[in-house]
Amino acid sequence: MPAQQPVEVVTRDRDRLLSELYQEHYRSLVRLAVVLLDRRELAEEVVQEAFIKLHGKLDRVKDQSRIDAYLRSIVMNLARSRMRRRMVARKHPPEPMLDAPGADADIDLRDDQREVVDALRSLPARQRDCLVLRYYQELSEAEIAETLGISKGSVKTHTSRGMAALTKVLEVSV
């Protein structure tokens, strides 16, 4: 019997840690995923799936101070995976439904916000990821580098190029 007690304590600690992470990061992670996926329902699914994946791998995280970055990485990877699946689905569209709602029915962005999000989506993936993490998640260059698994110099380069491209696109549309 004594062997079960440590497992229970570890489980409670794990549950408490996940609960704290959820309370602290859920909303910001959903916002991050919404920018990448453009649909809140998908974003919430991705974030929930990220917490499930983290729960299964929590024992493997050696540096507890990096859990935030690890969780963001999971969300980014899951969002990319969803986008890839959507691209394949777009290549093979289903037959249209006669009573289907309009394409913009689930997007609650203002026109100016929609322009920025559309411009972000037109950027290469690394530039978009860096800009979203920097300006939507308000992460530092070091945190972005850790989340994306690239150097701080690469983050600076991608952010700079992304801002220049975004500026050009938005200037043309104004």
N, C-alpha and C. Protein backbone atom coordinates (compact mmCIF):
# COMPACT_ATOMS: atom_id res chain seq x y z
N MET A 1 0.79 -1.21 0.00
CA MET A 1 0.00 0.00 0.00
C MET A 1 0.84 1.28 0.00
N PRO A 2 1.94 1.35 0.72
CA PRO A 2 2.70 2.60 0.76
C PRO A 2 3.17 3.06 -0.62
N ALA A 3 3.30 2.17 -1.59
CA ALA A 3 3.75 2.57 -2.92
C ALA A 3 2.72 3.42 -3.65
N GLN A 4 1.44 3.31 -3.29
CA GLN A 4 0.41 4.08 -3.98
C GLN A 4 0.36 5.52 -3.51
N GLN A 5 0.73 5.80 -2.31
CA GLN A 5 0.64 7.16 -1.79
C GLN A 5 1.48 8.15 -2.59
N PRO A 6 2.75 7.86 -2.90
CA PRO A 6 3.51 8.81 -3.72
C PRO A 6 2.87 9.06 -5.09
N VAL A 7 2.29 8.04 -5.71
CA VAL A 7 1.64 8.21 -7.00
C VAL A 7 0.48 9.19 -6.87
N GLU A 8 -0.30 9.07 -5.79
CA GLU A 8 -1.44 9.96 -5.56
C GLU A 8 -0.96 11.40 -5.37
N VAL A 9 0.12 11.57 -4.61
CA VAL A 9 0.67 12.91 -4.39
C VAL A 9 1.16 13.49 -5.70
N VAL A 10 1.86 12.70 -6.51
CA VAL A 10 2.35 13.17 -7.80
C VAL A 10 1.17 13.55 -8.70
N THR A 11 0.12 12.74 -8.69
CA THR A 11 -1.07 13.03 -9.49
C THR A 11 -1.71 14.33 -9.06
N ARG A 12 -1.83 14.56 -7.76
CA ARG A 12 -2.40 15.82 -7.27
C ARG A 12 -1.53 17.00 -7.67
N ASP A 13 -0.21 16.86 -7.57
CA ASP A 13 0.69 17.93 -7.98
C ASP A 13 0.55 18.22 -9.47
N ARG A 14 0.47 17.18 -10.27
CA ARG A 14 0.30 17.33 -11.72
C ARG A 14 -1.02 18.04 -12.02
N ASP A 15 -2.09 17.60 -11.37
CA ASP A 15 -3.40 18.21 -11.59
C ASP A 15 -3.41 19.68 -11.18
N ARG A 16 -2.76 19.98 -10.06
CA ARG A 16 -2.69 21.36 -9.59
C ARG A 16 -1.90 22.21 -10.58
N LEU A 17 -0.77 21.70 -11.06
CA LEU A 17 0.05 22.42 -12.03
C LEU A 17 -0.73 22.68 -13.32
N LEU A 18 -1.41 21.66 -13.82
CA LEU A 18 -2.19 21.84 -15.05
C LEU A 18 -3.33 22.82 -14.83
N SER A 19 -3.96 22.78 -13.69
CA SER A 19 -5.03 23.72 -13.37
C SER A 19 -4.50 25.15 -13.35
N GLU A 20 -3.35 25.35 -12.74
CA GLU A 20 -2.74 26.68 -12.70
C GLU A 20 -2.36 27.16 -14.11
N LEU A 21 -1.78 26.28 -14.90
CA LEU A 21 -1.43 26.63 -16.27
C LEU A 21 -2.67 26.99 -17.08
N TYR A 22 -3.72 26.23 -16.89
CA TYR A 22 -4.97 26.48 -17.59
C TYR A 22 -5.52 27.86 -17.22
N GLN A 23 -5.58 28.14 -15.93
CA GLN A 23 -6.09 29.43 -15.46
C GLN A 23 -5.28 30.59 -16.02
N GLU A 24 -3.97 30.41 -16.05
CA GLU A 24 -3.08 31.50 -16.45
C GLU A 24 -2.98 31.69 -17.96
N HIS A 25 -3.05 30.61 -18.74
CA HIS A 25 -2.71 30.71 -20.16
C HIS A 25 -3.84 30.40 -21.14
N TYR A 26 -4.94 29.84 -20.69
CA TYR A 26 -5.97 29.40 -21.63
C TYR A 26 -6.42 30.51 -22.58
N ARG A 27 -6.79 31.65 -22.05
CA ARG A 27 -7.31 32.73 -22.91
C ARG A 27 -6.29 33.22 -23.92
N SER A 28 -5.06 33.41 -23.48
CA SER A 28 -4.05 33.92 -24.42
C SER A 28 -3.73 32.87 -25.49
N LEU A 29 -3.77 31.60 -25.11
CA LEU A 29 -3.52 30.54 -26.10
C LEU A 29 -4.66 30.46 -27.10
N VAL A 30 -5.89 30.65 -26.65
CA VAL A 30 -7.03 30.66 -27.57
C VAL A 30 -6.90 31.84 -28.53
N ARG A 31 -6.52 33.01 -28.02
CA ARG A 31 -6.32 34.18 -28.90
C ARG A 31 -5.26 33.89 -29.95
N LEU A 32 -4.17 33.27 -29.53
CA LEU A 32 -3.11 32.90 -30.45
C LEU A 32 -3.66 31.96 -31.53
N ALA A 33 -4.37 30.94 -31.13
CA ALA A 33 -4.90 29.96 -32.08
C ALA A 33 -5.95 30.58 -33.00
N VAL A 34 -6.75 31.53 -32.49
CA VAL A 34 -7.76 32.19 -33.33
C VAL A 34 -7.08 32.94 -34.47
N VAL A 35 -5.99 33.60 -34.17
CA VAL A 35 -5.29 34.34 -35.22
C VAL A 35 -4.78 33.38 -36.30
N LEU A 36 -4.33 32.23 -35.88
CA LEU A 36 -3.80 31.26 -36.84
C LEU A 36 -4.89 30.50 -37.58
N LEU A 37 -6.02 30.26 -36.92
CA LEU A 37 -7.06 29.40 -37.49
C LEU A 37 -8.32 30.13 -37.94
N ASP A 38 -8.53 31.33 -37.50
CA ASP A 38 -9.64 32.22 -37.84
C ASP A 38 -11.02 31.76 -37.33
N ARG A 39 -11.07 30.71 -36.57
CA ARG A 39 -12.35 30.26 -36.00
C ARG A 39 -12.16 29.93 -34.54
N ARG A 40 -12.95 30.58 -33.71
CA ARG A 40 -12.82 30.40 -32.26
C ARG A 40 -13.05 28.95 -31.84
N GLU A 41 -14.02 28.27 -32.45
CA GLU A 41 -14.30 26.89 -32.05
C GLU A 41 -13.08 26.00 -32.29
N LEU A 42 -12.45 26.17 -33.46
CA LEU A 42 -11.25 25.38 -33.76
C LEU A 42 -10.12 25.75 -32.81
N ALA A 43 -10.00 27.03 -32.52
CA ALA A 43 -8.94 27.49 -31.62
C ALA A 43 -9.11 26.87 -30.23
N GLU A 44 -10.33 26.86 -29.73
CA GLU A 44 -10.58 26.27 -28.42
C GLU A 44 -10.27 24.77 -28.43
N GLU A 45 -10.64 24.09 -29.51
CA GLU A 45 -10.33 22.66 -29.62
C GLU A 45 -8.83 22.42 -29.59
N VAL A 46 -8.09 23.24 -30.33
CA VAL A 46 -6.64 23.09 -30.40
C VAL A 46 -6.02 23.30 -29.02
N VAL A 47 -6.47 24.32 -28.31
CA VAL A 47 -5.90 24.60 -26.99
C VAL A 47 -6.25 23.47 -26.01
N GLN A 48 -7.46 22.98 -26.07
CA GLN A 48 -7.83 21.87 -25.20
C GLN A 48 -6.99 20.63 -25.52
N GLU A 49 -6.80 20.39 -26.79
CA GLU A 49 -5.96 19.26 -27.20
C GLU A 49 -4.52 19.45 -26.72
N ALA A 50 -4.04 20.70 -26.75
CA ALA A 50 -2.68 20.98 -26.28
C ALA A 50 -2.54 20.64 -24.79
N PHE A 51 -3.54 20.99 -23.99
CA PHE A 51 -3.47 20.66 -22.57
C PHE A 51 -3.51 19.15 -22.36
N ILE A 52 -4.27 18.45 -23.17
CA ILE A 52 -4.31 16.99 -23.07
C ILE A 52 -2.94 16.41 -23.40
N LYS A 53 -2.33 16.91 -24.47
CA LYS A 53 -0.99 16.42 -24.85
C LYS A 53 0.03 16.75 -23.76
N LEU A 54 -0.06 17.95 -23.20
CA LEU A 54 0.86 18.33 -22.13
C LEU A 54 0.68 17.41 -20.92
N HIS A 55 -0.56 17.09 -20.60
CA HIS A 55 -0.83 16.20 -19.46
C HIS A 55 -0.12 14.86 -19.64
N GLY A 56 -0.15 14.34 -20.85
CA GLY A 56 0.49 13.05 -21.11
C GLY A 56 2.00 13.11 -21.12
N LYS A 57 2.56 14.29 -21.33
CA LYS A 57 4.02 14.41 -21.44
C LYS A 57 4.64 15.22 -20.31
N LEU A 58 3.86 15.55 -19.32
CA LEU A 58 4.33 16.41 -18.25
C LEU A 58 5.54 15.83 -17.51
N ASP A 59 5.60 14.52 -17.40
CA ASP A 59 6.73 13.89 -16.72
C ASP A 59 8.03 14.06 -17.49
N ARG A 60 7.93 14.27 -18.79
CA ARG A 60 9.13 14.40 -19.62
C ARG A 60 9.72 15.81 -19.61
N VAL A 61 8.96 16.78 -19.15
CA VAL A 61 9.45 18.17 -19.10
C VAL A 61 10.39 18.30 -17.91
N LYS A 62 11.66 18.45 -18.22
CA LYS A 62 12.67 18.49 -17.16
C LYS A 62 12.76 19.87 -16.51
N ASP A 63 12.65 20.92 -17.32
CA ASP A 63 12.76 22.28 -16.82
C ASP A 63 11.36 22.88 -16.70
N GLN A 64 10.83 22.94 -15.49
CA GLN A 64 9.48 23.42 -15.26
C GLN A 64 9.29 24.87 -15.70
N SER A 65 10.35 25.64 -15.76
CA SER A 65 10.25 27.05 -16.18
C SER A 65 9.97 27.16 -17.68
N ARG A 66 10.11 26.06 -18.42
CA ARG A 66 9.89 26.08 -19.87
C ARG A 66 8.53 25.52 -20.27
N ILE A 67 7.69 25.20 -19.30
CA ILE A 67 6.39 24.61 -19.61
C ILE A 67 5.55 25.57 -20.45
N ASP A 68 5.60 26.87 -20.14
CA ASP A 68 4.82 27.86 -20.91
C ASP A 68 5.19 27.80 -22.39
N ALA A 69 6.48 27.81 -22.66
CA ALA A 69 6.95 27.77 -24.05
C ALA A 69 6.59 26.44 -24.70
N TYR A 70 6.69 25.37 -23.95
CA TYR A 70 6.35 24.05 -24.47
C TYR A 70 4.86 23.99 -24.82
N LEU A 71 4.03 24.56 -23.98
CA LEU A 71 2.59 24.59 -24.23
C LEU A 71 2.28 25.44 -25.47
N ARG A 72 2.92 26.59 -25.61
CA ARG A 72 2.72 27.42 -26.81
C ARG A 72 3.16 26.67 -28.06
N SER A 73 4.26 25.95 -27.96
CA SER A 73 4.75 25.16 -29.10
C SER A 73 3.73 24.10 -29.51
N ILE A 74 3.13 23.46 -28.53
CA ILE A 74 2.12 22.46 -28.84
C ILE A 74 0.95 23.12 -29.56
N VAL A 75 0.50 24.27 -29.07
CA VAL A 75 -0.61 24.98 -29.71
C VAL A 75 -0.25 25.36 -31.14
N MET A 76 0.94 25.90 -31.34
CA MET A 76 1.37 26.30 -32.69
C MET A 76 1.42 25.09 -33.62
N ASN A 77 1.97 23.99 -33.16
CA ASN A 77 2.06 22.79 -33.99
C ASN A 77 0.68 22.23 -34.32
N LEU A 78 -0.20 22.19 -33.35
CA LEU A 78 -1.56 21.69 -33.60
C LEU A 78 -2.31 22.61 -34.58
N ALA A 79 -2.12 23.92 -34.42
CA ALA A 79 -2.78 24.87 -35.33
C ALA A 79 -2.26 24.68 -36.76
N ARG A 80 -0.94 24.52 -36.89
CA ARG A 80 -0.37 24.28 -38.23
C ARG A 80 -0.93 23.01 -38.85
N SER A 81 -1.05 21.98 -38.03
CA SER A 81 -1.59 20.72 -38.51
C SER A 81 -3.03 20.89 -38.99
N ARG A 82 -3.82 21.62 -38.21
CA ARG A 82 -5.21 21.89 -38.62
C ARG A 82 -5.25 22.66 -39.94
N MET A 83 -4.34 23.64 -40.08
CA MET A 83 -4.31 24.44 -41.31
C MET A 83 -3.94 23.56 -42.50
N ARG A 84 -3.01 22.64 -42.33
CA ARG A 84 -2.65 21.73 -43.42
C ARG A 84 -3.85 20.89 -43.83
N ARG A 85 -4.57 20.37 -42.83
CA ARG A 85 -5.77 19.59 -43.14
C ARG A 85 -6.81 20.42 -43.88
N ARG A 86 -6.94 21.69 -43.47
CA ARG A 86 -7.90 22.57 -44.14
C ARG A 86 -7.49 22.83 -45.59
N MET A 87 -6.19 22.96 -45.83
CA MET A 87 -5.72 23.19 -47.19
C MET A 87 -6.03 21.98 -48.07
N VAL A 88 -5.85 20.80 -47.56
CA VAL A 88 -6.18 19.59 -48.31
C VAL A 88 -7.68 19.54 -48.56
N ALA A 89 -8.45 19.87 -47.54
CA ALA A 89 -9.91 19.86 -47.69
C ALA A 89 -10.36 20.88 -48.73
N ARG A 90 -9.68 22.01 -48.81
CA ARG A 90 -10.03 23.04 -49.80
C ARG A 90 -9.75 22.56 -51.22
N LYS A 91 -8.74 21.72 -51.37
CA LYS A 91 -8.43 21.19 -52.69
C LYS A 91 -9.50 20.20 -53.15
N HIS A 92 -10.20 19.62 -52.19
CA HIS A 92 -11.24 18.63 -52.48
C HIS A 92 -12.52 19.06 -51.77
N PRO A 93 -13.14 20.16 -52.23
CA PRO A 93 -14.31 20.69 -51.52
C PRO A 93 -15.54 19.79 -51.67
N PRO A 94 -16.37 19.74 -50.63
CA PRO A 94 -17.61 18.99 -50.73
C PRO A 94 -18.62 19.78 -51.58
N GLU A 95 -19.65 19.13 -52.00
CA GLU A 95 -20.67 19.82 -52.76
C GLU A 95 -21.36 20.82 -51.84
N PRO A 96 -21.67 22.04 -52.35
CA PRO A 96 -22.27 23.07 -51.49
C PRO A 96 -23.66 22.68 -51.00
N MET A 97 -23.95 23.10 -49.78
CA MET A 97 -25.27 22.87 -49.21
C MET A 97 -26.13 24.08 -49.55
N LEU A 98 -27.37 23.87 -49.87
CA LEU A 98 -28.24 24.96 -50.29
C LEU A 98 -28.56 25.94 -49.17
N ASP A 99 -28.71 25.47 -47.95
CA ASP A 99 -29.08 26.33 -46.84
C ASP A 99 -27.91 26.67 -45.94
N ALA A 100 -26.70 26.60 -46.45
CA ALA A 100 -25.51 26.85 -45.63
C ALA A 100 -25.38 28.34 -45.32
N PRO A 101 -24.91 28.69 -44.10
CA PRO A 101 -24.70 30.10 -43.76
C PRO A 101 -23.54 30.68 -44.57
N GLY A 102 -23.46 32.00 -44.63
CA GLY A 102 -22.40 32.68 -45.37
C GLY A 102 -21.03 32.41 -44.78
N ALA A 103 -20.00 32.64 -45.56
CA ALA A 103 -18.63 32.36 -45.14
C ALA A 103 -18.20 33.20 -43.95
N ASP A 104 -18.77 34.39 -43.80
CA ASP A 104 -18.36 35.28 -42.71
C ASP A 104 -19.27 35.18 -41.49
N ALA A 105 -20.13 34.19 -41.43
CA ALA A 105 -21.10 34.07 -40.34
C ALA A 105 -20.44 33.88 -38.98
N ASP A 106 -19.30 33.22 -38.92
CA ASP A 106 -18.70 32.94 -37.62
C ASP A 106 -17.50 33.84 -37.31
N ILE A 107 -17.25 34.82 -38.13
CA ILE A 107 -16.13 35.72 -37.88
C ILE A 107 -16.68 37.03 -37.34
N ASP A 108 -16.25 37.37 -36.15
CA ASP A 108 -16.75 38.59 -35.53
C ASP A 108 -15.64 39.64 -35.42
N LEU A 109 -14.99 39.89 -36.54
CA LEU A 109 -13.94 40.90 -36.60
C LEU A 109 -14.45 42.14 -37.31
N ARG A 110 -13.96 43.29 -36.89
CA ARG A 110 -14.26 44.52 -37.63
C ARG A 110 -13.49 44.47 -38.94
N ASP A 111 -13.89 45.32 -39.90
CA ASP A 111 -13.24 45.33 -41.21
C ASP A 111 -11.74 45.60 -41.11
N ASP A 112 -11.34 46.57 -40.28
CA ASP A 112 -9.91 46.87 -40.16
C ASP A 112 -9.15 45.70 -39.53
N GLN A 113 -9.76 45.01 -38.59
CA GLN A 113 -9.12 43.85 -37.99
C GLN A 113 -9.01 42.73 -39.02
N ARG A 114 -10.06 42.57 -39.80
CA ARG A 114 -10.06 41.52 -40.82
C ARG A 114 -8.94 41.78 -41.84
N GLU A 115 -8.71 43.04 -42.19
CA GLU A 115 -7.63 43.37 -43.13
C GLU A 115 -6.27 42.96 -42.56
N VAL A 116 -6.07 43.23 -41.29
CA VAL A 116 -4.79 42.89 -40.66
C VAL A 116 -4.63 41.37 -40.61
N VAL A 117 -5.68 40.66 -40.22
CA VAL A 117 -5.60 39.20 -40.14
C VAL A 117 -5.37 38.60 -41.53
N ASP A 118 -6.06 39.12 -42.54
CA ASP A 118 -5.85 38.64 -43.91
C ASP A 118 -4.42 38.91 -44.36
N ALA A 119 -3.91 40.10 -44.01
CA ALA A 119 -2.52 40.43 -44.38
C ALA A 119 -1.54 39.50 -43.67
N LEU A 120 -1.81 39.20 -42.40
CA LEU A 120 -0.96 38.26 -41.67
C LEU A 120 -0.94 36.90 -42.33
N ARG A 121 -2.11 36.46 -42.78
CA ARG A 121 -2.20 35.13 -43.41
C ARG A 121 -1.48 35.07 -44.75
N SER A 122 -1.23 36.22 -45.35
CA SER A 122 -0.54 36.24 -46.64
C SER A 122 0.98 36.11 -46.47
N LEU A 123 1.46 36.25 -45.24
CA LEU A 123 2.91 36.19 -44.98
C LEU A 123 3.38 34.74 -44.94
N PRO A 124 4.68 34.53 -45.18
CA PRO A 124 5.25 33.18 -44.97
C PRO A 124 5.05 32.76 -43.51
N ALA A 125 4.96 31.47 -43.28
CA ALA A 125 4.60 30.93 -41.96
C ALA A 125 5.50 31.45 -40.83
N ARG A 126 6.81 31.45 -41.00
CA ARG A 126 7.71 31.89 -39.92
C ARG A 126 7.50 33.35 -39.58
N GLN A 127 7.35 34.18 -40.61
CA GLN A 127 7.12 35.61 -40.36
C GLN A 127 5.81 35.81 -39.62
N ARG A 128 4.77 35.12 -40.07
CA ARG A 128 3.46 35.22 -39.43
C ARG A 128 3.54 34.75 -37.98
N ASP A 129 4.19 33.62 -37.75
CA ASP A 129 4.30 33.09 -36.40
C ASP A 129 5.03 34.07 -35.48
N CYS A 130 6.12 34.62 -35.96
CA CYS A 130 6.89 35.57 -35.14
C CYS A 130 6.06 36.81 -34.81
N LEU A 131 5.34 37.35 -35.80
CA LEU A 131 4.54 38.55 -35.56
C LEU A 131 3.38 38.26 -34.61
N VAL A 132 2.74 37.13 -34.78
CA VAL A 132 1.61 36.78 -33.91
C VAL A 132 2.09 36.60 -32.47
N LEU A 133 3.19 35.88 -32.30
CA LEU A 133 3.71 35.68 -30.95
C LEU A 133 4.20 36.99 -30.33
N ARG A 134 4.77 37.86 -31.14
CA ARG A 134 5.29 39.13 -30.62
C ARG A 134 4.17 40.10 -30.27
N TYR A 135 3.24 40.32 -31.19
CA TYR A 135 2.26 41.39 -31.01
C TYR A 135 0.91 40.93 -30.48
N TYR A 136 0.55 39.67 -30.65
CA TYR A 136 -0.70 39.19 -30.08
C TYR A 136 -0.46 38.54 -28.73
N GLN A 137 0.65 37.84 -28.59
CA GLN A 137 0.96 37.18 -27.33
C GLN A 137 1.91 38.02 -26.47
N GLU A 138 2.49 39.05 -27.05
CA GLU A 138 3.40 39.96 -26.35
C GLU A 138 4.59 39.21 -25.73
N LEU A 139 5.14 38.28 -26.50
CA LEU A 139 6.30 37.53 -26.03
C LEU A 139 7.58 38.27 -26.39
N SER A 140 8.62 38.03 -25.62
CA SER A 140 9.93 38.59 -25.92
C SER A 140 10.57 37.77 -27.05
N GLU A 141 11.65 38.28 -27.60
CA GLU A 141 12.36 37.55 -28.65
C GLU A 141 12.84 36.20 -28.14
N ALA A 142 13.31 36.17 -26.90
CA ALA A 142 13.79 34.90 -26.33
C ALA A 142 12.65 33.89 -26.19
N GLU A 143 11.49 34.36 -25.75
CA GLU A 143 10.35 33.45 -25.60
C GLU A 143 9.87 32.93 -26.96
N ILE A 144 9.88 33.81 -27.96
CA ILE A 144 9.49 33.40 -29.31
C ILE A 144 10.47 32.37 -29.84
N ALA A 145 11.75 32.63 -29.66
CA ALA A 145 12.78 31.70 -30.11
C ALA A 145 12.60 30.34 -29.46
N GLU A 146 12.31 30.34 -28.17
CA GLU A 146 12.11 29.08 -27.45
C GLU A 146 10.85 28.37 -27.94
N THR A 147 9.78 29.12 -28.16
CA THR A 147 8.52 28.53 -28.62
C THR A 147 8.67 27.91 -30.00
N LEU A 148 9.34 28.61 -30.91
CA LEU A 148 9.46 28.14 -32.29
C LEU A 148 10.69 27.25 -32.51
N GLY A 149 11.57 27.20 -31.54
CA GLY A 149 12.77 26.37 -31.68
C GLY A 149 13.77 26.95 -32.67
N ILE A 150 13.87 28.29 -32.71
CA ILE A 150 14.82 28.96 -33.59
C ILE A 150 15.66 29.93 -32.76
N SER A 151 16.67 30.51 -33.37
CA SER A 151 17.54 31.44 -32.64
C SER A 151 16.87 32.81 -32.51
N LYS A 152 17.37 33.62 -31.55
CA LYS A 152 16.85 34.97 -31.39
C LYS A 152 17.13 35.81 -32.63
N GLY A 153 18.26 35.57 -33.27
CA GLY A 153 18.58 36.28 -34.51
C GLY A 153 17.57 35.99 -35.61
N SER A 154 17.16 34.74 -35.70
CA SER A 154 16.13 34.37 -36.69
C SER A 154 14.81 35.04 -36.37
N VAL A 155 14.49 35.13 -35.09
CA VAL A 155 13.26 35.80 -34.68
C VAL A 155 13.31 37.26 -35.13
N LYS A 156 14.44 37.92 -34.89
CA LYS A 156 14.59 39.32 -35.30
C LYS A 156 14.43 39.46 -36.80
N THR A 157 15.06 38.59 -37.56
CA THR A 157 14.99 38.64 -39.02
C THR A 157 13.56 38.43 -39.51
N HIS A 158 12.91 37.39 -39.03
CA HIS A 158 11.54 37.08 -39.47
C HIS A 158 10.58 38.19 -39.06
N THR A 159 10.75 38.74 -37.87
CA THR A 159 9.87 39.81 -37.41
C THR A 159 10.06 41.05 -38.26
N SER A 160 11.30 41.40 -38.52
CA SER A 160 11.59 42.58 -39.34
C SER A 160 11.03 42.43 -40.76
N ARG A 161 11.30 41.30 -41.37
CA ARG A 161 10.79 41.06 -42.73
C ARG A 161 9.27 41.00 -42.75
N GLY A 162 8.70 40.37 -41.75
CA GLY A 162 7.25 40.28 -41.66
C GLY A 162 6.61 41.65 -41.51
N MET A 163 7.19 42.51 -40.68
CA MET A 163 6.65 43.86 -40.50
C MET A 163 6.74 44.66 -41.80
N ALA A 164 7.86 44.51 -42.50
CA ALA A 164 8.01 45.23 -43.77
C ALA A 164 6.97 44.76 -44.79
N ALA A 165 6.79 43.47 -44.89
CA ALA A 165 5.80 42.92 -45.83
C ALA A 165 4.39 43.31 -45.42
N LEU A 166 4.10 43.26 -44.15
CA LEU A 166 2.78 43.62 -43.64
C LEU A 166 2.49 45.09 -43.91
N THR A 167 3.49 45.93 -43.70
CA THR A 167 3.33 47.36 -43.97
C THR A 167 3.00 47.60 -45.44
N LYS A 168 3.72 46.92 -46.32
CA LYS A 168 3.44 47.07 -47.77
C LYS A 168 2.02 46.65 -48.11
N VAL A 169 1.61 45.50 -47.61
CA VAL A 169 0.28 44.98 -47.92
C VAL A 169 -0.79 45.92 -47.40
N LEU A 170 -0.62 46.40 -46.18
CA LEU A 170 -1.66 47.27 -45.58
C LEU A 170 -1.66 48.66 -46.19
N GLU A 171 -0.50 49.15 -46.64
CA GLU A 171 -0.46 50.45 -47.32
C GLU A 171 -1.19 50.39 -48.64
N VAL A 172 -1.05 49.30 -49.36
CA VAL A 172 -1.71 49.13 -50.65
C VAL A 172 -3.23 49.09 -50.47
N SER A 173 -3.70 48.44 -49.39
CA SER A 173 -5.14 48.31 -49.20
C SER A 173 -5.79 49.59 -48.69
N VAL A 174 -5.00 50.52 -48.17
CA VAL A 174 -5.56 51.79 -47.68
C VAL A 174 -5.69 52.70 -48.81
